[in-house]
Each structure stands twice: as structure tokens, then as C-alpha cells.
Amino acid sequence: MKKTLLPVIFIFFTSTLVWPQKIDRFALVNRHNVKIDSIHAFSPLSVGNGAFAFTADVTGLQTFPDAYAEGIPLTTMAEWGWHSFPNTNNYVLADTMVLIDTYGRPVSYNRKQKSPAGDFLRANPHQITLGLVGLELSKEDGSLAKPEDIKTIDQTLDSWKGQLISHFSFQGQPVTVLTCVHPIRDQIAVQIKSPLIKQQQLKVRLRFPYAAGTWGRDPADWESPEKHNTILESKSTAYASFKRIMNEKTYFCYASFSENCDLVKRNKHEYLLNPFPETNIFECLVTFQESDTIPEPQNFRTVAEITSNHWKDFWTTGGAIDLSESRDPRWKELERRIILSQYLTAIQSAQKYPPQETGLTCNSWFGKFHLEMHWWHGVHFALWNRLLMLENSLDWYNDILPAARNIASRQGYKGVRWPKMTNPNGEDSPSGIGPMLIWQQPHPIYYAELVYRQKPTKASLLAYKDIVFETAEFMADYAYWDEENKRYVLGPPVIPAQENYEYADTWNPTYELCYWQWGLNTAQKWRQRLGLERNSKWDHVINNLSALPVRDGVYTAIEPEPYTNTTDHPSMLAALGLLPETPLINVDTMRKTAQHMYDTWQWPDTWGWDYPMLAMTAARVGLPELAVDAFFIESKKNLYWPNGHNYQRENLPLYLPGNGGLLTAVAMMAAGWDGAPDRNAPGFPDNGQWIVHWEGLNKMP
């Protein structure tokens, strides 16, 4: 049984502001319910439970996947849906290693991305679509419906209930489809009402694909029926059980029906549920799982009620921000993004693993997750008082300690070096960039500290101490002592968060220097909380890190030239934005840096989380007008579709780090941060244009 995803509210060190009148959360959420009246390839709507998601078209099911093929695909994905192609050539990570000089010492890095082994290991394992559940609508002449045959579309995503309500007409007949996902099970619940059922013009279609194993978008391969098996294990007029075999991956699909129904095999991997023509209502539950245990019987009404209660609890606990009294006309769009980002991250980013950048909606980087991005996926859960949704994925770091320890040991370092592009086993993928990044290393210390701030107990310390201490061991050992200049240096080799620098010619990235100081100092606090002495080596690194690089009065991304690159991430901003003020930082210099980057950066060449990063930095340095303006910089990368997804590019049609970053930034701007000005919503302008009511949020470090 999976953990419950219902949020748990902790009272330790919260900074909840009690308003004379509490926020009307029902009104807040419902004014941003998504309305769809035509096929929008980039705005299919999803329902899910945090570890399982179902993405549907305007029919409420997955009836016309081809209409969304160039946008956001229709998928059914689960946290456990990982598959590998047979490794017939016995590729291993060692096949991708190169030795790189590190101050006279050869260190191995898995950088041979463009090689047979690199190609295979990057693509395996990958996430899959478990199956599609759609309608088959027949015209009176027997021909099948096309997208253009669907009329009078009126679809609503009721976020308060976690339910998709789809009205449309076909051949002049009305159809209503209600769709939801059980909050605990990987189960889709569907209710269909239409005269077409009695007329035998409406059926439900189950289809099962092979794994595409490709970069980006749809993880389904419909052209390889011979490569997998769909076995009908049992059936009746109210039930069907399927066993799915894809190479070494096995899982099960169970379908149950409220009314008697014929099960018709269309082909090897496709079945039709054909309701008996006795009523205008048909209900079914479709469950996907790795276990062959038959799910406990339930009906649509029960699942819909459980789901509705779950989402009511979600929206009435945790944090809330109401901007509706603001005079700035941008308030409604910002509030829409806030509400829909909460929903989208809740249905697919509360997994037992860090989510991939496109969550459980489609594939990016073969479905693998990036640990430097986990910060953007998960930190907001803690700030919005939904800590458990972050903690769900933190146990995994303990699970992969041996894998991370092996990376550090192989390279001659102490402690653990966390992988970058990885999978449930913690294996690092071959890449020309990923193995050289270091900014994901302090992240687990940050997560652990967020937990401790809300649950300051010995149990919290013991739960994460190995992660914190072994991370710090690597960080201290990785820093190189420059004897001539009496300072510690980060790199070379290193690639900073702004990834467009050569690893061999780069050292001392601004953000990473500050993160090293903050991370090691926080690890020392953890030692002291457990009654241990401070680690003298860690203190030596903390106190002797290189100064931050400054040119023309502003921080640069790295110490050496060239330092005029204004594309990709303006990562120097993170040094006082994601992070609190550290001894290395000069606030006045960062204030100039924030304004300079806003004015001069090539924002079309950035990523979705760069805008909230600028907002957080601007807020901390006393530029609240700029902080709000950052959310509305004109750029394709800052586009939010009607369904709330943040767009990036053609093969990356959605990008959850943008949504998570937005939630982190607005929570910080509303509730404040350690050392923030003593006023309400210190990150928003105090100019009468922004009236910010909030409750249930926590301060950011």
C-alpha cells in the first residue's frame, strides 16, 4: 500500500498569519477551474494522485491521441512504470568513462554520451505509458468518429474535487463523462451518460503499447505489437483481468464494470468494453498495478466520493494565497498560475522518487529524473505546509547511498556524490554535461533542513543524518586547497548551473561557492544538534572558500573569463535567492546584479525556473517591484497554457520545475524568509497595488 498523499500539517516554526477573516478557499480554487471548449493540443487535462496520472482529451478519456501528438500527449503513467530494452551487448557504465585531469590526479567521469554504450544507458531504463482508455464512437453508418465530429465541447477540470467533467455531443446526441483517479490506488474511475450507449454507438476501448524509449513526449510505441504481450487472464460480464509483459517488465490491468458488458478482442493489444443496451449510463474502474492481487471491489460513486474528500482536504489544509483585492491587473493571471501549479505538482510530483521534469504527463530525457531539478519540484511542498509530499521522495536518498558512495569512491573522494540524470537505482547516466555538475550536491542538506525546521526532533535528525553528513564529507573533500592563494577552489573540472561553460576552463561558480558554504555550515549545525563536535575540516573549508567573482560591479557566473555569456540560467542570482545571505555575499552587489540581469539577460534562451529565481533574488535584496515583474517577463519559456503547464520548447511542451519554482517564489514573497522585513508579504510591492492575503505558509530559510 502506498503512503497516503494527504497533507499533514505541522505546527513547529510555522509562520501562519491569522487574518480577521479566513480566505474563502472554495472560491479561490473554483475561480480558476480550467474550461476547455475546443481541442487544444497543449492543454489536455490530467487527474492523478501524486504517483499516478491520467491525461485525457476533450472527451474525458483518451479517445483521440493523434490530435495531441504535436502538443502534450495522452498518457497513463505511474511512478513504478519503468522498463528497459534487453541489454544484448552487455553495456556497462565503465564503457562510457574518460579520465580527466584534476590537479594532477586522473578522475573518471562517464562523459561518453555519444557512443553505443552511452546511447543505450541513457535510454534505459525509461518510463512508459501503461495503456490508454478511450471511447470508440460509431456513426450510424458504422464509421468511427474523428476529432472534428465532436461538437459543443464543454469541459471543466474541477480542481476542488479532482474531477474532470466533459460534456460534448456526437451525431446530435449528448455525452457526459466524469473522470477521476483514486487518491491511493493507481485507478481511473469513469462514469459515462449518453443515449449512444443504448444505441450501441458508444464503447470503451483499452489499448496497450510497447515502450518507445525515445527522448521526449510520448513514451508509447504503437508500431511494435510483436515485442510485447497482453494476456487476458480472466473475464466475466462485469470484470476483466489483463497481464502485461514487456521484456522483463510485468504489470497488470484490471477493469470492472457497473453494468453487464461484452469484452471484445479487437487485436493482440486492444479490447472493447461493449455495454449491453439496457441503460444510458455506463461506469467502469480501470486499475494498473505491479501486483497480481485483484483490487478490492468499489464502484464509481465510492471512488468519486473518496477522491472529492481527498481534494477538499488538500485545498483546505496547507497554504493559500488570495490576490483578489489587488489593483494590479496582473493579479488574476498570477493567482491562476499559483492554483494550477499546486494542482499539477500534487497529481504527479509527490512520488517516492524525484519526478522527471515532465512528471507523469509525458517523457523528457527518457523519463529519467534530474537531481538538480528536485529542488524545484519539491521545496515548495514544505513552504506550502505539505511537507509529507516532499518527504515521500526523501527516503530514496537513503536507499541510493551505496550508489552515490560508489561514485565518490571511484573518483577518489570521501562521502557521497549524488548522480545527476538518474533512475530508481541511482545510476548516473552518461552525459557530456551531467557528471560535471555539482549544484545538486548540497540539495539533500537543504531538504533535510526544511524537514527539521517543521519537525525539530531527534527523530528528524536521525532520519537524515547519514545523508547530511556524507554529503558534507564529499563537499569538503571536493574543494581543492590552493596553497599559493590560501583558498579553497571549486573545479576545474566543473560545469556550473549555467551549463554553457567548458568544464576544463571553469572554476569557482558563484552560486556553488555560496551553496558550499551554506551546506557545510548547515551540516555543522546538524552535528551540534546531535551533540557532536564541529568537523574541523568542514570549518576550514567554510572559512577559506574563494571570494565571489565580480566584474563591473556585478556578480558573474564563474571566476575566469569569458564571463559575458547571457544565455541559459543566470545562476549567479541563486546565490542570494534560493539561498539565504551567506558571509560570501554582498547584498548591494547582488541588488545591482539582479537589476542588471533583468535588463540585459537573453530571456528567450532561459528555462521556466529562471523567472521565479530572479523573483526570489529581487525580493531578498529589496526590489519587490522587480520580483513581481519577473513573473511576467515576455518569453515563450514563461508561457503557461490554459491547463497551467509551463511551456519550454517543441519537444518539451511542459516543464514542472517552472510550476514548482513559481510556488516557491510566491510562498517566500508572501510569508517571508529568515531576516525578511517585518511587514506582510515582504516580497511584494508595498505600493497599494498588491493586496496579499495568505495563510498556512512557512518562511523560507
Foldseek 3Di string as FASTA:
>chain_A
DDDFLQFDFFDFQFQFDDDPDDDPLLVLLVVQWFKDFAWDLADFFWFFQAFWIFTDTLQQFPAAQVSNQQHFGTATFGQPQKDADDPPVPQDLVVQWDWDQFPNDTFIDSANCPDPSQLRQLLPTFGAGFKGKHKWFADPVGDTDDRVQKARWIWTQRLLLSKIWIWTDGPNKIKIKIWHQFNPFSKIKIKIFILVLLVQRMKMKIFGFAAPSDAFHHRGDRPCLPQWAWDFPDDDQFKTKIWIGHPPAIKIKIKGKPAGWDWADPDRGMIITRGHNPHRMIIMMMGIGRDPDDDDDDHNVVRSVNSSVSSNSNSVAFKDKDFVVFQPVCSVVLSSLQSLLVSVLSRFQLALAGFAQQGRRGHHSSRWHFLLLSCLSAPLCLQRSRLNSNVSNLVLLVVQQVVQQVSQVSRPFFFGQQFTGDGSNRDHRHHNFGRQARNSLLVSLQSLVSVCSSVVDVVSLVSCLSSLVRSLRRLLRQFDQDPVVRATKHDQQHAYQQRPDHRHPFIDFQQVLLSLLVSLVSSQVSCVSVVHHGDPSSVSNNVGHDAFADDPLAGFGTNDDPGPDQAEARNNLCSPFVDPDDPRDDLVSSLVHLVVNVPDHPVQRYALLRLLSSLRSCLNSPNLVSSVVSQVPDYLRSDADSSSFGQNDSSGGGGSSNSSSSSVSQSCQASHAVPADPDGSSSHDPPSRTDMDMGNGRHHD
